[in-house]
Amino acid sequence: MLIATWNVNSLTARLPRVVAWLERNRPEVLLLQETKLADPAFPSAAFEELGYDSAHHGDGRWNGVAVLSRVGLSGVTRGLATAAPTGAAEPRYLAANCGGLRVASVYVPNGREVDHPFFHYKLAWLQQLSQFVQADLSRGELVLGGDFNVAPTDQDVFDPQAFLGATHVTERERSALQAVLNQGLVDLALATGEPAGFTYWDYRQGFFRRGLGMRIDLLLGSAGVAGCLDRVFVDREERSGQRPSDHAPLVAEVSWTSPAGGAPAV
């Protein structure tokens, strides 16, 4: 079973690439972030033609998350209640039951600058995410994937000195992410013992060509999922070519068989 996460940085701009990627790779589940679409504009018909059910949560601005599945999709939960500094909750969380697993697509707020109101919003959002993870784990095995906008360690950025005083690498952000993991999740990219590759490269100054990336896209799995893990890889080819996203897909392959009736089991 292939489970992938991909921040597409506008599904309108990237739809042909997403469709082509689905046709080539046929993952059972694909989690999308930063669709930048309102729900009525989400191209569910294009995915249905490929055999995928889909759910989307978006308001047409800079966020938006989706789950695509060809192993069933039910029990959809949309949104965290944490309000942004604008006063409204943003569409950054979407969970569903797919193939006997609970899966969730998350797009953690960027934070903008350290101690900016959006930075404190980011920390509060991650704190509430921990509570949602507790509830999702009570339903069975879980995969939480998305753009976390946190580099877990200094090894997850191309040069720690270049990020001094910046967001994504502060101890407060990393502690908030660790609190999510402490609910009972494993960073799947580290579970195989292989080096975890970068998932994001800024568009500016040839960062991708120069290898100046970050690992901020994560797939987190419960113990049962981690125990079935075969491999995790970054599809770097999707960061090159015509009009790529600034993120590449992160893919986990697990030896998982959907149980009868859709109930999670290992």
C-alpha atoms as a PDB file:
ATOM      1  CA  MET A   1       0.000   0.000   0.000  1.00  0.00           C
ATOM      2  CA  LEU A   2       1.374   3.401  -1.014  1.00  0.00           C
ATOM      3  CA  ILE A   3       0.468   6.452   1.057  1.00  0.00           C
ATOM      4  CA  ALA A   4       1.787   9.815  -0.139  1.00  0.00           C
ATOM      5  CA  THR A   5       1.647  13.440   0.934  1.00  0.00           C
ATOM      6  CA  TRP A   6       2.254  16.415  -1.334  1.00  0.00           C
ATOM      7  CA  ASN A   7       1.986  20.166  -0.874  1.00  0.00           C
ATOM      8  CA  VAL A   8       1.047  21.131  -4.425  1.00  0.00           C
ATOM      9  CA  ASN A   9       1.143  24.932  -3.929  1.00  0.00           C
ATOM     10  CA  SER A  10      -2.065  25.497  -5.965  1.00  0.00           C
ATOM     11  CA  LEU A  11      -3.960  22.531  -7.332  1.00  0.00           C
ATOM     12  CA  THR A  12      -5.215  24.674 -10.208  1.00  0.00           C
ATOM     13  CA  ALA A  13      -1.643  25.228 -11.359  1.00  0.00           C
ATOM     14  CA  ARG A  14      -0.511  21.689 -10.612  1.00  0.00           C
ATOM     15  CA  LEU A  15      -3.539  19.554 -11.564  1.00  0.00           C
ATOM     16  CA  PRO A  16      -1.981  18.092 -14.756  1.00  0.00           C
ATOM     17  CA  ARG A  17       1.115  17.074 -12.778  1.00  0.00           C
ATOM     18  CA  VAL A  18      -0.961  15.529  -9.975  1.00  0.00           C
ATOM     19  CA  VAL A  19      -3.080  13.560 -12.450  1.00  0.00           C
ATOM     20  CA  ALA A  20       0.010  12.310 -14.294  1.00  0.00           C
ATOM     21  CA  TRP A  21       1.667  11.363 -10.998  1.00  0.00           C
ATOM     22  CA  LEU A  22      -1.395   9.394  -9.922  1.00  0.00           C
ATOM     23  CA  GLU A  23      -1.496   7.574 -13.248  1.00  0.00           C
ATOM     24  CA  ARG A  24       2.175   6.580 -12.966  1.00  0.00           C
ATOM     25  CA  ASN A  25       2.307   5.652  -9.296  1.00  0.00           C
ATOM     26  CA  ARG A  26      -1.252   4.572  -8.361  1.00  0.00           C
ATOM     27  CA  PRO A  27      -0.965   5.220  -4.611  1.00  0.00           C
ATOM     28  CA  GLU A  28      -3.821   3.939  -2.525  1.00  0.00           C
ATOM     29  CA  VAL A  29      -3.966   7.243  -0.635  1.00  0.00           C
ATOM     30  CA  LEU A  30      -2.713  10.725  -1.539  1.00  0.00           C
ATOM     31  CA  LEU A  31      -2.856  13.597   0.948  1.00  0.00           C
ATOM     32  CA  LEU A  32      -2.735  17.078  -0.584  1.00  0.00           C
ATOM     33  CA  GLN A  33      -2.021  20.464   0.975  1.00  0.00           C
ATOM     34  CA  GLU A  34      -2.161  24.097  -0.140  1.00  0.00           C
ATOM     35  CA  THR A  35      -4.775  23.418  -2.802  1.00  0.00           C
ATOM     36  CA  LYS A  36      -5.779  27.107  -2.731  1.00  0.00           C
ATOM     37  CA  LEU A  37      -9.312  26.109  -3.724  1.00  0.00           C
ATOM     38  CA  ALA A  38     -12.764  26.525  -2.267  1.00  0.00           C
ATOM     39  CA  ASP A  39     -14.699  23.287  -1.914  1.00  0.00           C
ATOM     40  CA  PRO A  40     -16.993  23.852  -4.956  1.00  0.00           C
ATOM     41  CA  ALA A  41     -13.942  24.339  -7.207  1.00  0.00           C
ATOM     42  CA  PHE A  42     -12.184  21.134  -6.144  1.00  0.00           C
ATOM     43  CA  PRO A  43     -11.757  18.867  -9.227  1.00  0.00           C
ATOM     44  CA  SER A  44     -13.239  15.713  -7.717  1.00  0.00           C
ATOM     45  CA  ALA A  45     -14.450  14.511 -11.139  1.00  0.00           C
ATOM     46  CA  ALA A  46     -10.898  14.427 -12.497  1.00  0.00           C
ATOM     47  CA  PHE A  47      -9.850  12.163  -9.627  1.00  0.00           C
ATOM     48  CA  GLU A  48     -12.981  10.036  -9.854  1.00  0.00           C
ATOM     49  CA  GLU A  49     -12.058   9.218 -13.466  1.00  0.00           C
ATOM     50  CA  LEU A  50      -8.833   7.721 -12.096  1.00  0.00           C
ATOM     51  CA  GLY A  51     -10.704   5.635  -9.524  1.00  0.00           C
ATOM     52  CA  TYR A  52     -10.234   7.913  -6.523  1.00  0.00           C
ATOM     53  CA  ASP A  53     -12.799   9.038  -4.002  1.00  0.00           C
ATOM     54  CA  SER A  54     -11.931  12.431  -2.568  1.00  0.00           C
ATOM     55  CA  ALA A  55     -12.707  14.862   0.216  1.00  0.00           C
ATOM     56  CA  HIS A  56     -11.589  18.487   0.397  1.00  0.00           C
ATOM     57  CA  HIS A  57     -11.569  21.302   2.936  1.00  0.00           C
ATOM     58  CA  GLY A  58     -10.716  24.732   1.566  1.00  0.00           C
ATOM     59  CA  ASP A  59     -11.894  28.318   1.278  1.00  0.00           C
ATOM     60  CA  GLY A  60     -10.113  29.402  -1.912  1.00  0.00           C
ATOM     61  CA  ARG A  61      -7.263  31.251  -0.265  1.00  0.00           C
ATOM     62  CA  TRP A  62      -3.708  30.140   0.570  1.00  0.00           C
ATOM     63  CA  ASN A  63      -4.583  26.902   2.366  1.00  0.00           C
ATOM     64  CA  GLY A  64      -6.812  23.896   1.617  1.00  0.00           C
ATOM     65  CA  VAL A  65      -6.294  20.178   2.270  1.00  0.00           C
ATOM     66  CA  ALA A  66      -7.572  17.019   0.599  1.00  0.00           C
ATOM     67  CA  VAL A  67      -7.600  13.233   0.861  1.00  0.00           C
ATOM     68  CA  LEU A  68      -7.739  11.044  -2.266  1.00  0.00           C
ATOM     69  CA  SER A  69      -8.330   7.303  -1.863  1.00  0.00           C
ATOM     70  CA  ARG A  70      -8.941   4.312  -4.093  1.00  0.00           C
ATOM     71  CA  VAL A  71      -9.507   2.014  -1.094  1.00  0.00           C
ATOM     72  CA  GLY A  72     -12.637   3.679   0.231  1.00  0.00           C
ATOM     73  CA  LEU A  73     -13.265   6.956   2.015  1.00  0.00           C
ATOM     74  CA  SER A  74     -15.602   7.521   4.958  1.00  0.00           C
ATOM     75  CA  GLY A  75     -15.825   9.133   8.388  1.00  0.00           C
ATOM     76  CA  VAL A  76     -14.572  12.509   7.193  1.00  0.00           C
ATOM     77  CA  THR A  77     -13.580  15.117   9.798  1.00  0.00           C
ATOM     78  CA  ARG A  78     -12.824  18.674   8.677  1.00  0.00           C
ATOM     79  CA  GLY A  79     -10.969  21.400  10.504  1.00  0.00           C
ATOM     80  CA  LEU A  80      -9.453  22.355  13.820  1.00  0.00           C
ATOM     81  CA  ALA A  81     -11.207  25.028  15.858  1.00  0.00           C
ATOM     82  CA  THR A  82      -8.065  27.061  16.587  1.00  0.00           C
ATOM     83  CA  ALA A  83      -8.659  30.570  15.258  1.00  0.00           C
ATOM     84  CA  ALA A  84      -6.061  32.437  13.227  1.00  0.00           C
ATOM     85  CA  PRO A  85      -5.167  36.033  14.135  1.00  0.00           C
ATOM     86  CA  THR A  86      -7.784  37.033  11.573  1.00  0.00           C
ATOM     87  CA  GLY A  87     -10.392  35.612  13.956  1.00  0.00           C
ATOM     88  CA  ALA A  88     -11.447  32.624  11.844  1.00  0.00           C
ATOM     89  CA  ALA A  89     -10.440  28.955  11.834  1.00  0.00           C
ATOM     90  CA  GLU A  90      -8.608  27.978   8.652  1.00  0.00           C
ATOM     91  CA  PRO A  91      -9.046  24.828   6.499  1.00  0.00           C
ATOM     92  CA  ARG A  92      -5.834  23.015   7.423  1.00  0.00           C
ATOM     93  CA  TYR A  93      -6.955  19.578   8.650  1.00  0.00           C
ATOM     94  CA  LEU A  94      -8.928  16.780   7.005  1.00  0.00           C
ATOM     95  CA  ALA A  95      -9.186  13.171   8.219  1.00  0.00           C
ATOM     96  CA  ALA A  96     -10.941  10.102   6.833  1.00  0.00           C
ATOM     97  CA  ASN A  97     -11.043   6.300   7.004  1.00  0.00           C
ATOM     98  CA  CYS A  98      -9.299   4.744   3.996  1.00  0.00           C
ATOM     99  CA  GLY A  99      -8.569   1.058   3.531  1.00  0.00           C
ATOM    100  CA  GLY A 100      -8.794   0.227   7.226  1.00  0.00           C
ATOM    101  CA  LEU A 101      -6.611   3.157   8.266  1.00  0.00           C
ATOM    102  CA  ARG A 102      -7.418   6.542   9.684  1.00  0.00           C
ATOM    103  CA  VAL A 103      -5.521   9.099   7.592  1.00  0.00           C
ATOM    104  CA  ALA A 104      -5.232  12.860   8.012  1.00  0.00           C
ATOM    105  CA  SER A 105      -3.919  15.595   5.731  1.00  0.00           C
ATOM    106  CA  VAL A 106      -2.504  18.550   7.655  1.00  0.00           C
ATOM    107  CA  TYR A 107      -1.137  21.928   6.642  1.00  0.00           C
ATOM    108  CA  VAL A 108       0.438  23.525   9.694  1.00  0.00           C
ATOM    109  CA  PRO A 109       0.498  27.357   9.705  1.00  0.00           C
ATOM    110  CA  ASN A 110       3.773  28.889   8.539  1.00  0.00           C
ATOM    111  CA  GLY A 111       4.260  31.155  11.540  1.00  0.00           C
ATOM    112  CA  ARG A 112       5.731  34.022   9.506  1.00  0.00           C
ATOM    113  CA  GLU A 113       8.226  35.398  12.071  1.00  0.00           C
ATOM    114  CA  VAL A 114       9.208  34.371  15.591  1.00  0.00           C
ATOM    115  CA  ASP A 115       6.742  35.899  18.092  1.00  0.00           C
ATOM    116  CA  HIS A 116       4.502  37.214  15.322  1.00  0.00           C
ATOM    117  CA  PRO A 117       0.789  36.614  16.121  1.00  0.00           C
ATOM    118  CA  PHE A 118       0.816  33.898  13.445  1.00  0.00           C
ATOM    119  CA  PHE A 119       3.736  32.218  15.218  1.00  0.00           C
ATOM    120  CA  HIS A 120       1.685  31.886  18.401  1.00  0.00           C
ATOM    121  CA  TYR A 121      -1.235  30.689  16.282  1.00  0.00           C
ATOM    122  CA  LYS A 122       1.053  27.996  14.849  1.00  0.00           C
ATOM    123  CA  LEU A 123       1.966  26.763  18.328  1.00  0.00           C
ATOM    124  CA  ALA A 124      -1.676  26.754  19.441  1.00  0.00           C
ATOM    125  CA  TRP A 125      -2.684  24.919  16.265  1.00  0.00           C
ATOM    126  CA  LEU A 126      -0.092  22.196  16.874  1.00  0.00           C
ATOM    127  CA  GLN A 127      -1.285  21.884  20.458  1.00  0.00           C
ATOM    128  CA  GLN A 128      -4.834  21.246  19.281  1.00  0.00           C
ATOM    129  CA  LEU A 129      -3.536  18.841  16.647  1.00  0.00           C
ATOM    130  CA  SER A 130      -2.158  16.723  19.498  1.00  0.00           C
ATOM    131  CA  GLN A 131      -5.689  16.447  20.877  1.00  0.00           C
ATOM    132  CA  PHE A 132      -7.071  15.442  17.495  1.00  0.00           C
ATOM    133  CA  VAL A 133      -4.368  12.789  17.162  1.00  0.00           C
ATOM    134  CA  GLN A 134      -5.510  11.294  20.472  1.00  0.00           C
ATOM    135  CA  ALA A 135      -9.061  11.056  19.142  1.00  0.00           C
ATOM    136  CA  ASP A 136      -7.970   9.632  15.775  1.00  0.00           C
ATOM    137  CA  LEU A 137      -5.779   7.005  17.445  1.00  0.00           C
ATOM    138  CA  SER A 138      -8.781   5.869  19.457  1.00  0.00           C
ATOM    139  CA  ARG A 139     -10.320   4.787  16.133  1.00  0.00           C
ATOM    140  CA  GLY A 140      -7.375   2.522  15.223  1.00  0.00           C
ATOM    141  CA  GLU A 141      -4.153   2.793  13.241  1.00  0.00           C
ATOM    142  CA  LEU A 142      -3.342   6.272  11.957  1.00  0.00           C
ATOM    143  CA  VAL A 143      -1.224   7.994   9.303  1.00  0.00           C
ATOM    144  CA  LEU A 144      -0.856  11.749   9.689  1.00  0.00           C
ATOM    145  CA  GLY A 145       0.775  13.406   6.696  1.00  0.00           C
ATOM    146  CA  GLY A 146       1.371  16.855   5.370  1.00  0.00           C
ATOM    147  CA  ASP A 147       3.354  20.052   5.389  1.00  0.00           C
ATOM    148  CA  PHE A 148       4.240  20.617   9.050  1.00  0.00           C
ATOM    149  CA  ASN A 149       6.306  23.759   8.450  1.00  0.00           C
ATOM    150  CA  VAL A 150       8.745  22.502  11.099  1.00  0.00           C
ATOM    151  CA  ALA A 151      12.173  20.996  10.444  1.00  0.00           C
ATOM    152  CA  PRO A 152      12.411  18.415  13.255  1.00  0.00           C
ATOM    153  CA  THR A 153      16.197  18.710  13.750  1.00  0.00           C
ATOM    154  CA  ASP A 154      19.160  20.698  12.470  1.00  0.00           C
ATOM    155  CA  GLN A 155      19.881  17.810  10.094  1.00  0.00           C
ATOM    156  CA  ASP A 156      16.630  18.642   8.328  1.00  0.00           C
ATOM    157  CA  VAL A 157      17.859  21.979   6.942  1.00  0.00           C
ATOM    158  CA  PHE A 158      20.696  22.577   4.503  1.00  0.00           C
ATOM    159  CA  ASP A 159      22.560  24.918   6.880  1.00  0.00           C
ATOM    160  CA  PRO A 160      21.404  25.505  10.491  1.00  0.00           C
ATOM    161  CA  GLN A 161      23.326  28.784  10.594  1.00  0.00           C
ATOM    162  CA  ALA A 162      21.210  30.135   7.746  1.00  0.00           C
ATOM    163  CA  PHE A 163      18.070  29.719   9.863  1.00  0.00           C
ATOM    164  CA  LEU A 164      19.185  31.378  13.079  1.00  0.00           C
ATOM    165  CA  GLY A 165      16.386  33.548  14.402  1.00  0.00           C
ATOM    166  CA  ALA A 166      13.920  32.207  11.858  1.00  0.00           C
ATOM    167  CA  THR A 167      10.769  30.138  12.139  1.00  0.00           C
ATOM    168  CA  HIS A 168      10.570  26.399  11.340  1.00  0.00           C
ATOM    169  CA  VAL A 169      13.589  25.551  13.517  1.00  0.00           C
ATOM    170  CA  THR A 170      12.883  27.077  16.936  1.00  0.00           C
ATOM    171  CA  GLU A 171      12.790  24.944  20.052  1.00  0.00           C
ATOM    172  CA  ARG A 172       9.169  25.958  20.653  1.00  0.00           C
ATOM    173  CA  GLU A 173       8.066  24.710  17.231  1.00  0.00           C
ATOM    174  CA  ARG A 174      10.067  21.503  17.532  1.00  0.00           C
ATOM    175  CA  SER A 175       8.684  20.855  21.027  1.00  0.00           C
ATOM    176  CA  ALA A 176       5.142  21.364  19.732  1.00  0.00           C
ATOM    177  CA  LEU A 177       5.794  18.864  16.938  1.00  0.00           C
ATOM    178  CA  GLN A 178       7.326  16.414  19.404  1.00  0.00           C
ATOM    179  CA  ALA A 179       4.171  16.677  21.523  1.00  0.00           C
ATOM    180  CA  VAL A 180       2.209  15.448  18.487  1.00  0.00           C
ATOM    181  CA  LEU A 181       4.615  12.520  18.070  1.00  0.00           C
ATOM    182  CA  ASN A 182       4.377  11.761  21.782  1.00  0.00           C
ATOM    183  CA  GLN A 183       0.710  10.868  21.377  1.00  0.00           C
ATOM    184  CA  GLY A 184       1.912   7.593  19.868  1.00  0.00           C
ATOM    185  CA  LEU A 185       3.260   8.347  16.402  1.00  0.00           C
ATOM    186  CA  VAL A 186       6.517   7.554  14.592  1.00  0.00           C
ATOM    187  CA  ASP A 187       8.283   9.708  11.994  1.00  0.00           C
ATOM    188  CA  LEU A 188       8.135   7.132   9.205  1.00  0.00           C
ATOM    189  CA  ALA A 189      10.986   8.693   7.212  1.00  0.00           C
ATOM    190  CA  LEU A 190      13.312   7.835  10.110  1.00  0.00           C
ATOM    191  CA  ALA A 191      11.860   4.434  10.937  1.00  0.00           C
ATOM    192  CA  THR A 192      13.697   2.543   8.173  1.00  0.00           C
ATOM    193  CA  GLY A 193      17.124   3.760   9.311  1.00  0.00           C
ATOM    194  CA  GLU A 194      17.783   5.336   5.908  1.00  0.00           C
ATOM    195  CA  PRO A 195      18.641   9.040   5.533  1.00  0.00           C
ATOM    196  CA  ALA A 196      15.545  11.215   5.342  1.00  0.00           C
ATOM    197  CA  GLY A 197      15.716  13.486   2.305  1.00  0.00           C
ATOM    198  CA  PHE A 198      14.629  17.077   1.915  1.00  0.00           C
ATOM    199  CA  THR A 199      11.048  17.642   0.729  1.00  0.00           C
ATOM    200  CA  TYR A 200      11.031  21.407   0.093  1.00  0.00           C
ATOM    201  CA  TRP A 201      13.298  23.728  -1.882  1.00  0.00           C
ATOM    202  CA  ASP A 202      12.637  27.455  -2.202  1.00  0.00           C
ATOM    203  CA  TYR A 203      12.018  28.700  -5.746  1.00  0.00           C
ATOM    204  CA  ARG A 204      14.617  31.434  -5.312  1.00  0.00           C
ATOM    205  CA  GLN A 205      18.260  31.413  -6.375  1.00  0.00           C
ATOM    206  CA  GLY A 206      18.333  27.869  -7.723  1.00  0.00           C
ATOM    207  CA  PHE A 207      17.873  26.281  -4.302  1.00  0.00           C
ATOM    208  CA  PHE A 208      16.745  22.950  -5.771  1.00  0.00           C
ATOM    209  CA  ARG A 209      19.636  22.745  -8.223  1.00  0.00           C
ATOM    210  CA  ARG A 210      22.055  23.572  -5.420  1.00  0.00           C
ATOM    211  CA  GLY A 211      20.554  21.067  -2.984  1.00  0.00           C
ATOM    212  CA  LEU A 212      19.514  23.737  -0.469  1.00  0.00           C
ATOM    213  CA  GLY A 213      16.390  22.177   0.954  1.00  0.00           C
ATOM    214  CA  MET A 214      14.445  21.424   4.101  1.00  0.00           C
ATOM    215  CA  ARG A 215      12.541  18.437   5.454  1.00  0.00           C
ATOM    216  CA  ILE A 216       9.222  19.904   6.539  1.00  0.00           C
ATOM    217  CA  ASP A 217       6.800  17.441   4.894  1.00  0.00           C
ATOM    218  CA  LEU A 218       6.263  14.435   7.146  1.00  0.00           C
ATOM    219  CA  LEU A 219       4.405  11.149   7.305  1.00  0.00           C
ATOM    220  CA  LEU A 220       3.731  10.153  10.905  1.00  0.00           C
ATOM    221  CA  GLY A 221       2.333   6.700  11.637  1.00  0.00           C
ATOM    222  CA  SER A 222       1.045   4.782  14.623  1.00  0.00           C
ATOM    223  CA  ALA A 223       3.009   1.790  15.891  1.00  0.00           C
ATOM    224  CA  GLY A 224       1.025  -0.702  13.833  1.00  0.00           C
ATOM    225  CA  VAL A 225       1.712   1.203  10.630  1.00  0.00           C
ATOM    226  CA  ALA A 226       5.396   1.625  11.468  1.00  0.00           C
ATOM    227  CA  GLY A 227       5.605  -2.121  12.028  1.00  0.00           C
ATOM    228  CA  CYS A 228       4.396  -2.709   8.449  1.00  0.00           C
ATOM    229  CA  LEU A 229       6.699  -0.125   6.877  1.00  0.00           C
ATOM    230  CA  ASP A 230       8.755  -1.254   3.871  1.00  0.00           C
ATOM    231  CA  ARG A 231      10.286   2.019   2.663  1.00  0.00           C
ATOM    232  CA  VAL A 232       9.893   5.791   2.537  1.00  0.00           C
ATOM    233  CA  PHE A 233      11.137   7.974  -0.300  1.00  0.00           C
ATOM    234  CA  VAL A 234      10.940  11.492  -1.705  1.00  0.00           C
ATOM    235  CA  ASP A 235       9.983  11.698  -5.375  1.00  0.00           C
ATOM    236  CA  ARG A 236      12.501  14.417  -6.220  1.00  0.00           C
ATOM    237  CA  GLU A 237      11.660  14.278  -9.934  1.00  0.00           C
ATOM    238  CA  GLU A 238       8.419  16.111  -9.215  1.00  0.00           C
ATOM    239  CA  ARG A 239      10.370  19.152  -8.029  1.00  0.00           C
ATOM    240  CA  SER A 240      11.878  19.573 -11.506  1.00  0.00           C
ATOM    241  CA  GLY A 241      10.418  20.111 -14.966  1.00  0.00           C
ATOM    242  CA  GLN A 242       7.662  22.502 -15.991  1.00  0.00           C
ATOM    243  CA  ARG A 243       5.858  24.464 -13.270  1.00  0.00           C
ATOM    244  CA  PRO A 244       6.672  22.257 -10.299  1.00  0.00           C
ATOM    245  CA  SER A 245       5.513  22.815  -6.749  1.00  0.00           C
ATOM    246  CA  ASP A 246       8.245  23.888  -4.353  1.00  0.00           C
ATOM    247  CA  HIS A 247       7.563  20.624  -2.488  1.00  0.00           C
ATOM    248  CA  ALA A 248       8.071  17.039  -3.688  1.00  0.00           C
ATOM    249  CA  PRO A 249       5.816  14.083  -2.841  1.00  0.00           C
ATOM    250  CA  LEU A 250       6.802  12.030   0.198  1.00  0.00           C
ATOM    251  CA  VAL A 251       5.758   8.393  -0.160  1.00  0.00           C
ATOM    252  CA  ALA A 252       5.539   5.510   2.306  1.00  0.00           C
ATOM    253  CA  GLU A 253       5.097   1.894   1.241  1.00  0.00           C
ATOM    254  CA  VAL A 254       3.536  -0.344   3.879  1.00  0.00           C
ATOM    255  CA  SER A 255       2.648  -4.037   3.821  1.00  0.00           C
ATOM    256  CA  TRP A 256      -0.911  -3.314   4.828  1.00  0.00           C
ATOM    257  CA  THR A 257      -4.007  -5.279   3.888  1.00  0.00           C
ATOM    258  CA  SER A 258      -7.356  -3.645   4.451  1.00  0.00           C
ATOM    259  CA  PRO A 259      -9.257  -5.795   6.971  1.00  0.00           C
ATOM    260  CA  ALA A 260     -12.765  -7.073   6.331  1.00  0.00           C
ATOM    261  CA  GLY A 261     -15.333  -4.423   7.124  1.00  0.00           C
ATOM    262  CA  GLY A 262     -12.755  -1.660   7.036  1.00  0.00           C
ATOM    263  CA  ALA A 263     -11.775  -1.926  10.693  1.00  0.00           C
ATOM    264  CA  PRO A 264      -8.097  -1.173  11.351  1.00  0.00           C
ATOM    265  CA  ALA A 265      -5.980  -4.211  12.074  1.00  0.00           C
ATOM    266  CA  VAL A 266      -2.403  -5.362  11.572  1.00  0.00           C
END
